[in-house]
N, C-alpha and C. Protein backbone atom coordinates (compact mmCIF):
# COMPACT_ATOMS: atom_id res chain seq x y z
N UNK A 1 -69.44 -107.69 -116.40
CA UNK A 1 -70.79 -108.24 -116.38
C UNK A 1 -71.77 -107.11 -116.11
N UNK A 2 -72.71 -106.92 -117.01
CA UNK A 2 -73.74 -105.92 -116.74
C UNK A 2 -75.09 -106.62 -116.64
N UNK A 3 -75.84 -106.18 -115.68
CA UNK A 3 -77.15 -106.78 -115.45
C UNK A 3 -78.17 -106.15 -116.39
N UNK A 4 -79.12 -106.95 -116.80
CA UNK A 4 -80.17 -106.47 -117.68
C UNK A 4 -81.28 -105.82 -116.86
N UNK A 5 -81.98 -104.90 -117.48
CA UNK A 5 -83.08 -104.21 -116.82
C UNK A 5 -84.32 -104.28 -117.68
N UNK A 6 -85.46 -104.05 -117.05
CA UNK A 6 -86.74 -104.07 -117.77
C UNK A 6 -86.68 -103.12 -118.96
N UNK A 7 -87.21 -103.60 -120.09
CA UNK A 7 -87.25 -102.82 -121.31
C UNK A 7 -86.08 -103.06 -122.25
N UNK A 8 -84.99 -103.65 -121.74
CA UNK A 8 -83.82 -103.93 -122.58
C UNK A 8 -84.04 -105.18 -123.42
N UNK A 9 -83.31 -105.24 -124.53
CA UNK A 9 -83.34 -106.44 -125.37
C UNK A 9 -82.70 -107.59 -124.61
N UNK A 10 -83.32 -108.76 -124.72
CA UNK A 10 -82.77 -109.98 -124.11
C UNK A 10 -81.89 -110.67 -125.14
N UNK A 11 -80.68 -111.06 -124.76
CA UNK A 11 -79.79 -111.73 -125.72
C UNK A 11 -80.38 -113.05 -126.24
N UNK A 12 -80.28 -113.26 -127.54
CA UNK A 12 -80.70 -114.53 -128.13
C UNK A 12 -79.74 -115.61 -127.68
N UNK A 13 -80.22 -116.84 -127.59
CA UNK A 13 -79.34 -117.94 -127.23
C UNK A 13 -79.89 -119.26 -127.73
N UNK A 14 -78.99 -120.22 -127.84
CA UNK A 14 -79.32 -121.62 -128.07
C UNK A 14 -78.39 -122.43 -127.18
N UNK A 15 -78.98 -123.27 -126.34
CA UNK A 15 -78.23 -124.13 -125.43
C UNK A 15 -78.79 -125.54 -125.48
N UNK A 16 -77.97 -126.54 -125.16
CA UNK A 16 -78.49 -127.91 -125.09
C UNK A 16 -79.32 -128.10 -123.81
N UNK A 17 -80.41 -128.86 -123.95
CA UNK A 17 -81.20 -129.20 -122.77
C UNK A 17 -80.65 -130.46 -122.12
N UNK A 18 -81.36 -130.96 -121.15
CA UNK A 18 -80.92 -132.13 -120.39
C UNK A 18 -80.75 -133.38 -121.26
N UNK A 19 -81.36 -133.40 -122.43
CA UNK A 19 -81.23 -134.54 -123.35
C UNK A 19 -80.25 -134.25 -124.48
N UNK A 20 -79.61 -133.09 -124.45
CA UNK A 20 -78.66 -132.71 -125.48
C UNK A 20 -79.30 -132.05 -126.69
N UNK A 21 -80.61 -131.82 -126.65
CA UNK A 21 -81.31 -131.18 -127.76
C UNK A 21 -81.19 -129.67 -127.67
N UNK A 22 -80.95 -128.97 -128.79
CA UNK A 22 -80.82 -127.52 -128.74
C UNK A 22 -82.17 -126.84 -128.44
N UNK A 23 -82.11 -125.87 -127.56
CA UNK A 23 -83.28 -125.05 -127.22
C UNK A 23 -82.87 -123.60 -127.40
N UNK A 24 -83.67 -122.87 -128.18
CA UNK A 24 -83.40 -121.46 -128.44
C UNK A 24 -84.48 -120.60 -127.83
N UNK A 25 -84.11 -119.39 -127.46
CA UNK A 25 -85.11 -118.45 -126.96
C UNK A 25 -86.18 -118.23 -128.04
N UNK A 26 -85.77 -118.19 -129.29
CA UNK A 26 -86.70 -117.97 -130.40
C UNK A 26 -87.75 -119.08 -130.53
N UNK A 27 -87.48 -120.26 -129.93
CA UNK A 27 -88.47 -121.35 -129.94
C UNK A 27 -89.75 -120.96 -129.20
N UNK A 28 -89.69 -119.90 -128.40
CA UNK A 28 -90.81 -119.50 -127.57
C UNK A 28 -91.47 -118.22 -128.09
N UNK A 29 -91.44 -118.04 -129.41
CA UNK A 29 -92.04 -116.86 -130.03
C UNK A 29 -93.49 -116.71 -129.58
N UNK A 30 -93.85 -115.47 -129.31
CA UNK A 30 -95.19 -115.08 -128.87
C UNK A 30 -95.54 -115.65 -127.49
N UNK A 31 -94.52 -115.86 -126.67
CA UNK A 31 -94.75 -116.35 -125.31
C UNK A 31 -93.96 -115.49 -124.32
N UNK A 32 -94.34 -115.64 -123.08
CA UNK A 32 -93.55 -115.08 -121.99
C UNK A 32 -92.72 -116.22 -121.42
N UNK A 33 -91.48 -115.95 -121.08
CA UNK A 33 -90.56 -116.96 -120.58
C UNK A 33 -90.00 -116.53 -119.24
N UNK A 34 -90.10 -117.43 -118.26
CA UNK A 34 -89.40 -117.25 -116.99
C UNK A 34 -88.07 -117.98 -117.15
N UNK A 35 -87.00 -117.22 -117.16
CA UNK A 35 -85.66 -117.78 -117.35
C UNK A 35 -84.92 -117.62 -116.03
N UNK A 36 -84.62 -118.78 -115.40
CA UNK A 36 -83.92 -118.66 -114.12
C UNK A 36 -82.57 -119.35 -114.18
N UNK A 37 -81.62 -118.70 -113.51
CA UNK A 37 -80.23 -119.15 -113.49
C UNK A 37 -79.90 -119.62 -112.08
N UNK A 38 -79.31 -120.81 -111.98
CA UNK A 38 -78.98 -121.38 -110.67
C UNK A 38 -77.58 -121.98 -110.72
N UNK A 39 -76.89 -122.03 -109.57
CA UNK A 39 -75.48 -122.45 -109.57
C UNK A 39 -75.22 -123.91 -109.90
N UNK A 40 -75.97 -124.85 -109.34
CA UNK A 40 -75.62 -126.26 -109.54
C UNK A 40 -76.79 -127.18 -109.23
N UNK A 41 -77.09 -128.07 -110.14
CA UNK A 41 -78.14 -129.06 -109.94
C UNK A 41 -77.80 -129.97 -108.76
N UNK A 42 -78.82 -130.43 -108.08
CA UNK A 42 -78.73 -131.40 -106.99
C UNK A 42 -78.01 -130.87 -105.76
N UNK A 43 -77.98 -129.55 -105.59
CA UNK A 43 -77.52 -128.96 -104.34
C UNK A 43 -78.76 -128.50 -103.58
N UNK A 44 -78.68 -128.34 -102.26
CA UNK A 44 -79.90 -128.05 -101.49
C UNK A 44 -80.68 -126.82 -101.96
N UNK A 45 -80.01 -125.68 -102.13
CA UNK A 45 -80.72 -124.46 -102.54
C UNK A 45 -81.31 -124.56 -103.94
N UNK A 46 -80.54 -125.11 -104.85
CA UNK A 46 -81.00 -125.23 -106.24
C UNK A 46 -82.13 -126.25 -106.35
N UNK A 47 -82.07 -127.28 -105.54
CA UNK A 47 -83.17 -128.26 -105.52
C UNK A 47 -84.43 -127.60 -104.98
N UNK A 48 -84.31 -126.83 -103.90
CA UNK A 48 -85.47 -126.13 -103.33
C UNK A 48 -86.11 -125.23 -104.38
N UNK A 49 -85.29 -124.47 -105.09
CA UNK A 49 -85.81 -123.55 -106.11
C UNK A 49 -86.50 -124.32 -107.23
N UNK A 50 -85.88 -125.40 -107.71
CA UNK A 50 -86.47 -126.21 -108.78
C UNK A 50 -87.77 -126.85 -108.34
N UNK A 51 -87.82 -127.33 -107.09
CA UNK A 51 -89.04 -127.93 -106.56
C UNK A 51 -90.14 -126.88 -106.47
N UNK A 52 -89.79 -125.65 -106.06
CA UNK A 52 -90.79 -124.58 -106.00
C UNK A 52 -91.31 -124.24 -107.39
N UNK A 53 -90.41 -124.13 -108.38
CA UNK A 53 -90.88 -123.87 -109.75
C UNK A 53 -91.75 -125.03 -110.24
N UNK A 54 -91.38 -126.25 -109.89
CA UNK A 54 -92.17 -127.42 -110.28
C UNK A 54 -93.55 -127.38 -109.65
N UNK A 55 -93.62 -127.05 -108.36
CA UNK A 55 -94.90 -126.98 -107.64
C UNK A 55 -95.84 -125.94 -108.26
N UNK A 56 -95.27 -124.83 -108.70
CA UNK A 56 -96.09 -123.75 -109.25
C UNK A 56 -96.09 -123.71 -110.78
N UNK A 57 -95.55 -124.74 -111.39
CA UNK A 57 -95.46 -124.77 -112.85
C UNK A 57 -96.85 -124.69 -113.50
N UNK A 58 -97.82 -125.38 -112.96
CA UNK A 58 -99.18 -125.35 -113.52
C UNK A 58 -99.75 -123.94 -113.53
N UNK A 59 -99.51 -123.19 -112.45
CA UNK A 59 -99.98 -121.80 -112.39
C UNK A 59 -99.29 -120.94 -113.45
N UNK A 60 -97.96 -121.11 -113.56
CA UNK A 60 -97.21 -120.34 -114.55
C UNK A 60 -97.65 -120.69 -115.97
N UNK A 61 -97.74 -121.98 -116.23
CA UNK A 61 -98.13 -122.44 -117.56
C UNK A 61 -99.55 -121.97 -117.89
N UNK A 62 -100.45 -122.06 -116.91
CA UNK A 62 -101.83 -121.61 -117.10
C UNK A 62 -101.94 -120.13 -117.40
N UNK A 63 -100.98 -119.36 -116.89
CA UNK A 63 -100.97 -117.92 -117.14
C UNK A 63 -100.18 -117.58 -118.42
N UNK A 64 -99.72 -118.61 -119.14
CA UNK A 64 -99.05 -118.38 -120.42
C UNK A 64 -97.54 -118.28 -120.37
N UNK A 65 -96.94 -118.70 -119.27
CA UNK A 65 -95.48 -118.62 -119.14
C UNK A 65 -94.82 -119.96 -119.40
N UNK A 66 -93.71 -119.92 -120.13
CA UNK A 66 -92.82 -121.08 -120.23
C UNK A 66 -91.74 -120.87 -119.17
N UNK A 67 -91.16 -121.96 -118.68
CA UNK A 67 -90.10 -121.88 -117.68
C UNK A 67 -88.87 -122.60 -118.22
N UNK A 68 -87.71 -121.96 -118.07
CA UNK A 68 -86.42 -122.55 -118.45
C UNK A 68 -85.43 -122.32 -117.33
N UNK A 69 -84.76 -123.39 -116.91
CA UNK A 69 -83.70 -123.27 -115.93
C UNK A 69 -82.35 -123.40 -116.61
N UNK A 70 -81.36 -122.59 -116.20
CA UNK A 70 -80.03 -122.60 -116.81
C UNK A 70 -78.98 -122.71 -115.72
N UNK A 71 -78.03 -123.64 -115.91
CA UNK A 71 -76.90 -123.77 -114.99
C UNK A 71 -75.67 -124.19 -115.79
N UNK A 72 -74.50 -124.17 -115.17
CA UNK A 72 -73.29 -124.61 -115.86
C UNK A 72 -73.15 -126.13 -115.94
N UNK A 73 -74.09 -126.86 -115.38
CA UNK A 73 -74.01 -128.33 -115.36
C UNK A 73 -74.10 -128.92 -116.76
N UNK A 74 -73.47 -130.06 -116.94
CA UNK A 74 -73.54 -130.81 -118.21
C UNK A 74 -74.92 -131.44 -118.35
N UNK A 75 -75.36 -131.70 -119.60
CA UNK A 75 -76.69 -132.28 -119.82
C UNK A 75 -76.95 -133.56 -119.03
N UNK A 76 -75.94 -134.42 -118.88
CA UNK A 76 -76.15 -135.69 -118.18
C UNK A 76 -76.57 -135.46 -116.73
N UNK A 77 -75.94 -134.50 -116.06
CA UNK A 77 -76.30 -134.19 -114.68
C UNK A 77 -77.70 -133.57 -114.63
N UNK A 78 -78.00 -132.72 -115.60
CA UNK A 78 -79.32 -132.09 -115.65
C UNK A 78 -80.41 -133.15 -115.86
N UNK A 79 -80.12 -134.16 -116.67
CA UNK A 79 -81.10 -135.24 -116.91
C UNK A 79 -81.38 -135.99 -115.61
N UNK A 80 -80.34 -136.27 -114.84
CA UNK A 80 -80.53 -136.96 -113.55
C UNK A 80 -81.34 -136.09 -112.58
N UNK A 81 -81.03 -134.80 -112.55
CA UNK A 81 -81.72 -133.85 -111.68
C UNK A 81 -83.20 -133.75 -112.07
N UNK A 82 -83.45 -133.62 -113.35
CA UNK A 82 -84.83 -133.50 -113.85
C UNK A 82 -85.64 -134.75 -113.49
N UNK A 83 -85.05 -135.93 -113.69
CA UNK A 83 -85.75 -137.18 -113.39
C UNK A 83 -85.97 -137.33 -111.88
N UNK A 84 -84.95 -137.06 -111.09
CA UNK A 84 -85.04 -137.24 -109.63
C UNK A 84 -86.10 -136.34 -109.02
N UNK A 85 -86.20 -135.10 -109.50
CA UNK A 85 -87.13 -134.12 -108.92
C UNK A 85 -88.42 -133.96 -109.72
N UNK A 86 -88.59 -134.75 -110.78
CA UNK A 86 -89.80 -134.68 -111.64
C UNK A 86 -90.04 -133.26 -112.14
N UNK A 87 -89.00 -132.64 -112.65
CA UNK A 87 -89.09 -131.27 -113.16
C UNK A 87 -89.74 -131.30 -114.54
N UNK A 88 -90.83 -130.54 -114.73
CA UNK A 88 -91.59 -130.62 -115.99
C UNK A 88 -91.12 -129.70 -117.11
N UNK A 89 -90.13 -128.87 -116.85
CA UNK A 89 -89.67 -127.90 -117.85
C UNK A 89 -88.21 -128.16 -118.21
N UNK A 90 -87.74 -127.62 -119.33
CA UNK A 90 -86.36 -127.86 -119.77
C UNK A 90 -85.32 -127.24 -118.83
N UNK A 91 -84.24 -127.99 -118.65
CA UNK A 91 -83.06 -127.49 -117.94
C UNK A 91 -81.95 -127.38 -118.97
N UNK A 92 -81.34 -126.21 -119.07
CA UNK A 92 -80.36 -125.94 -120.11
C UNK A 92 -78.95 -125.87 -119.55
N UNK A 93 -78.01 -126.35 -120.35
CA UNK A 93 -76.61 -126.47 -119.95
C UNK A 93 -75.79 -125.34 -120.56
N UNK A 94 -75.08 -124.59 -119.71
CA UNK A 94 -74.22 -123.49 -120.15
C UNK A 94 -72.85 -123.58 -119.46
N UNK A 95 -72.08 -124.66 -119.73
CA UNK A 95 -70.82 -124.85 -119.02
C UNK A 95 -69.76 -123.78 -119.32
N UNK A 96 -69.88 -123.11 -120.44
CA UNK A 96 -68.92 -122.05 -120.78
C UNK A 96 -69.37 -120.68 -120.29
N UNK A 97 -70.53 -120.61 -119.65
CA UNK A 97 -71.06 -119.39 -119.03
C UNK A 97 -71.41 -118.29 -120.02
N UNK A 98 -71.54 -118.60 -121.29
CA UNK A 98 -71.81 -117.55 -122.29
C UNK A 98 -73.17 -116.88 -122.07
N UNK A 99 -74.21 -117.68 -121.86
CA UNK A 99 -75.54 -117.11 -121.63
C UNK A 99 -75.62 -116.52 -120.23
N UNK A 100 -75.06 -117.21 -119.26
CA UNK A 100 -75.02 -116.69 -117.90
C UNK A 100 -74.40 -115.29 -117.88
N UNK A 101 -73.28 -115.12 -118.56
CA UNK A 101 -72.61 -113.81 -118.62
C UNK A 101 -73.44 -112.79 -119.39
N UNK A 102 -74.02 -113.21 -120.51
CA UNK A 102 -74.81 -112.29 -121.34
C UNK A 102 -76.01 -111.73 -120.57
N UNK A 103 -76.52 -112.52 -119.63
CA UNK A 103 -77.68 -112.09 -118.84
C UNK A 103 -77.28 -111.49 -117.49
N UNK A 104 -75.99 -111.32 -117.25
CA UNK A 104 -75.53 -110.73 -116.00
C UNK A 104 -75.67 -111.66 -114.81
N UNK A 105 -75.76 -112.97 -115.06
CA UNK A 105 -75.97 -113.94 -113.99
C UNK A 105 -74.70 -114.71 -113.64
N UNK A 106 -73.56 -114.19 -114.03
CA UNK A 106 -72.29 -114.82 -113.68
C UNK A 106 -71.29 -113.72 -113.38
N UNK A 107 -70.62 -113.83 -112.26
CA UNK A 107 -69.63 -112.82 -111.91
C UNK A 107 -69.25 -112.93 -110.46
N UNK A 108 -68.71 -111.84 -109.93
CA UNK A 108 -68.25 -111.84 -108.54
C UNK A 108 -69.45 -111.84 -107.60
N UNK A 109 -69.34 -112.67 -106.57
CA UNK A 109 -70.37 -112.72 -105.54
C UNK A 109 -69.70 -113.05 -104.22
N UNK A 110 -70.44 -112.87 -103.14
CA UNK A 110 -69.94 -113.18 -101.81
C UNK A 110 -70.70 -114.41 -101.32
N UNK A 111 -69.94 -115.44 -100.95
CA UNK A 111 -70.53 -116.67 -100.45
C UNK A 111 -69.83 -117.03 -99.15
N UNK A 112 -70.61 -117.08 -98.07
CA UNK A 112 -70.06 -117.38 -96.75
C UNK A 112 -68.90 -116.45 -96.40
N UNK A 113 -69.06 -115.17 -96.74
CA UNK A 113 -68.08 -114.17 -96.39
C UNK A 113 -66.87 -114.09 -97.32
N UNK A 114 -66.82 -114.96 -98.31
CA UNK A 114 -65.69 -114.96 -99.26
C UNK A 114 -66.14 -114.45 -100.62
N UNK A 115 -65.30 -113.65 -101.25
CA UNK A 115 -65.58 -113.20 -102.62
C UNK A 115 -65.12 -114.29 -103.57
N UNK A 116 -65.96 -114.62 -104.52
CA UNK A 116 -65.59 -115.59 -105.54
C UNK A 116 -66.39 -115.31 -106.80
N UNK A 117 -65.99 -115.95 -107.88
CA UNK A 117 -66.70 -115.80 -109.14
C UNK A 117 -67.58 -117.02 -109.34
N UNK A 118 -68.81 -116.78 -109.74
CA UNK A 118 -69.72 -117.90 -109.96
C UNK A 118 -71.07 -117.44 -110.45
N UNK A 119 -72.03 -118.37 -110.43
CA UNK A 119 -73.39 -118.08 -110.88
C UNK A 119 -74.09 -117.25 -109.82
N UNK A 120 -74.72 -116.19 -110.26
CA UNK A 120 -75.53 -115.34 -109.40
C UNK A 120 -76.99 -115.77 -109.61
N UNK A 121 -77.59 -116.33 -108.56
CA UNK A 121 -78.97 -116.83 -108.67
C UNK A 121 -79.87 -115.68 -109.13
N UNK A 122 -80.47 -115.83 -110.29
CA UNK A 122 -81.21 -114.75 -110.93
C UNK A 122 -82.42 -115.29 -111.68
N UNK A 123 -83.44 -114.45 -111.80
CA UNK A 123 -84.62 -114.82 -112.58
C UNK A 123 -85.03 -113.62 -113.42
N UNK A 124 -85.28 -113.89 -114.70
CA UNK A 124 -85.78 -112.85 -115.59
C UNK A 124 -87.06 -113.32 -116.25
N UNK A 125 -87.95 -112.39 -116.50
CA UNK A 125 -89.15 -112.67 -117.26
C UNK A 125 -88.99 -111.95 -118.59
N UNK A 126 -89.12 -112.72 -119.66
CA UNK A 126 -88.89 -112.20 -121.01
C UNK A 126 -90.16 -112.30 -121.83
N UNK A 127 -90.41 -111.31 -122.65
CA UNK A 127 -91.49 -111.35 -123.62
C UNK A 127 -90.86 -111.58 -124.99
N UNK A 128 -91.16 -112.74 -125.58
CA UNK A 128 -90.57 -113.11 -126.86
C UNK A 128 -91.54 -112.74 -127.98
N UNK A 129 -91.07 -111.95 -128.92
CA UNK A 129 -91.89 -111.48 -130.04
C UNK A 129 -92.04 -112.58 -131.08
N UNK A 130 -92.91 -112.33 -132.04
CA UNK A 130 -93.16 -113.30 -133.11
C UNK A 130 -91.90 -113.63 -133.90
N UNK A 131 -91.00 -112.63 -134.04
CA UNK A 131 -89.77 -112.87 -134.81
C UNK A 131 -88.67 -113.54 -133.97
N UNK A 132 -88.97 -113.86 -132.71
CA UNK A 132 -88.00 -114.54 -131.85
C UNK A 132 -87.14 -113.61 -131.01
N UNK A 133 -87.21 -112.32 -131.29
CA UNK A 133 -86.47 -111.37 -130.44
C UNK A 133 -87.23 -111.25 -129.11
N UNK A 134 -86.53 -110.79 -128.09
CA UNK A 134 -87.17 -110.73 -126.78
C UNK A 134 -86.76 -109.47 -126.03
N UNK A 135 -87.66 -109.05 -125.14
CA UNK A 135 -87.39 -107.91 -124.25
C UNK A 135 -87.55 -108.39 -122.82
N UNK A 136 -86.77 -107.78 -121.95
CA UNK A 136 -86.84 -108.08 -120.52
C UNK A 136 -88.05 -107.35 -119.94
N UNK A 137 -88.93 -108.10 -119.29
CA UNK A 137 -90.06 -107.49 -118.57
C UNK A 137 -89.68 -107.27 -117.11
N UNK A 138 -88.94 -108.22 -116.55
CA UNK A 138 -88.60 -108.19 -115.14
C UNK A 138 -87.24 -108.86 -114.96
N UNK A 139 -86.39 -108.28 -114.13
CA UNK A 139 -85.07 -108.88 -113.86
C UNK A 139 -84.81 -108.82 -112.36
N UNK A 140 -84.53 -109.98 -111.78
CA UNK A 140 -84.24 -110.10 -110.35
C UNK A 140 -82.91 -110.81 -110.18
N UNK A 141 -81.98 -110.18 -109.49
CA UNK A 141 -80.65 -110.74 -109.27
C UNK A 141 -80.42 -110.97 -107.78
N UNK A 142 -79.55 -111.93 -107.47
CA UNK A 142 -79.24 -112.29 -106.09
C UNK A 142 -80.48 -112.70 -105.31
N UNK A 143 -81.35 -113.47 -105.96
CA UNK A 143 -82.57 -113.92 -105.29
C UNK A 143 -82.23 -115.07 -104.34
N UNK A 144 -83.05 -115.23 -103.33
CA UNK A 144 -82.91 -116.35 -102.40
C UNK A 144 -83.64 -117.55 -102.98
N UNK A 145 -83.09 -118.72 -102.79
CA UNK A 145 -83.72 -119.93 -103.34
C UNK A 145 -85.08 -120.18 -102.70
N UNK A 146 -85.17 -119.99 -101.40
CA UNK A 146 -86.42 -120.27 -100.68
C UNK A 146 -87.35 -119.07 -100.75
N UNK A 147 -88.59 -119.30 -101.18
CA UNK A 147 -89.59 -118.25 -101.22
C UNK A 147 -89.58 -117.39 -102.46
N UNK A 148 -88.56 -117.53 -103.27
CA UNK A 148 -88.42 -116.68 -104.45
C UNK A 148 -89.57 -116.89 -105.45
N UNK A 149 -89.95 -118.12 -105.69
CA UNK A 149 -90.98 -118.41 -106.69
C UNK A 149 -92.32 -117.82 -106.26
N UNK A 150 -92.64 -117.94 -104.98
CA UNK A 150 -93.89 -117.35 -104.48
C UNK A 150 -93.92 -115.84 -104.67
N UNK A 151 -92.79 -115.18 -104.39
CA UNK A 151 -92.72 -113.73 -104.59
C UNK A 151 -92.85 -113.38 -106.07
N UNK A 152 -92.25 -114.19 -106.94
CA UNK A 152 -92.35 -113.96 -108.38
C UNK A 152 -93.81 -114.06 -108.84
N UNK A 153 -94.51 -115.08 -108.37
CA UNK A 153 -95.92 -115.25 -108.74
C UNK A 153 -96.73 -114.02 -108.32
N UNK A 154 -96.48 -113.53 -107.11
CA UNK A 154 -97.19 -112.33 -106.64
C UNK A 154 -96.90 -111.15 -107.55
N UNK A 155 -95.63 -110.97 -107.88
CA UNK A 155 -95.24 -109.85 -108.72
C UNK A 155 -95.85 -109.93 -110.12
N UNK A 156 -96.05 -111.15 -110.61
CA UNK A 156 -96.66 -111.35 -111.93
C UNK A 156 -98.19 -111.36 -111.86
N UNK A 157 -98.73 -111.25 -110.65
CA UNK A 157 -100.18 -111.26 -110.48
C UNK A 157 -100.81 -112.62 -110.66
N UNK A 158 -100.03 -113.66 -110.39
CA UNK A 158 -100.51 -115.04 -110.59
C UNK A 158 -100.93 -115.68 -109.27
N UNK A 159 -100.29 -115.29 -108.18
CA UNK A 159 -100.53 -115.90 -106.87
C UNK A 159 -101.98 -115.74 -106.48
C-alpha cells in the first residue's frame, strides 16, 4: 500500500452509492472533491466524522467542493446510515477494498495496541479536470475522527 501525495494522479474509480447507483470520480469533472475514507458506518467515530462533514457541508459546497465518503460497508447499510444521520452527500461502498487500497487508505494499522489490517481513516482533496482525470491537492492519513473536519476547513481556507 502506498500513500498518495499532493501533485500525484488520483486513481479513477466507480463505486456504488448507498442506493446502488454507480458514482465515478469523472462525474465531478471541473470540481474539487473531498474524498474521505472511514472504517464502518454507524460506529461512534465514523458517525462523529460524518456528522461533522454534514454540519460543514454547506461551507464546503459553497466553496465549490463535493464530498464523498467511502467505506467497505454494503450499500444497504450505507443507506440506513445516510438516512439516520441526514447525510447530504453520497456514501460509496467498497467491500473489496479496491479503491481504499488504490488511495493508500487500507493496510496495517495499530488499534488499541494491536496490529491489524483495515481501513486507515484518511481524507484527500482532489482536483478533477474537465476530462475526468484528477490530481491530489491534499492527502491526510491516520486522521482523528473528532476535529478533523474543522482542521480541514482551516487548511482549505474555508473556516
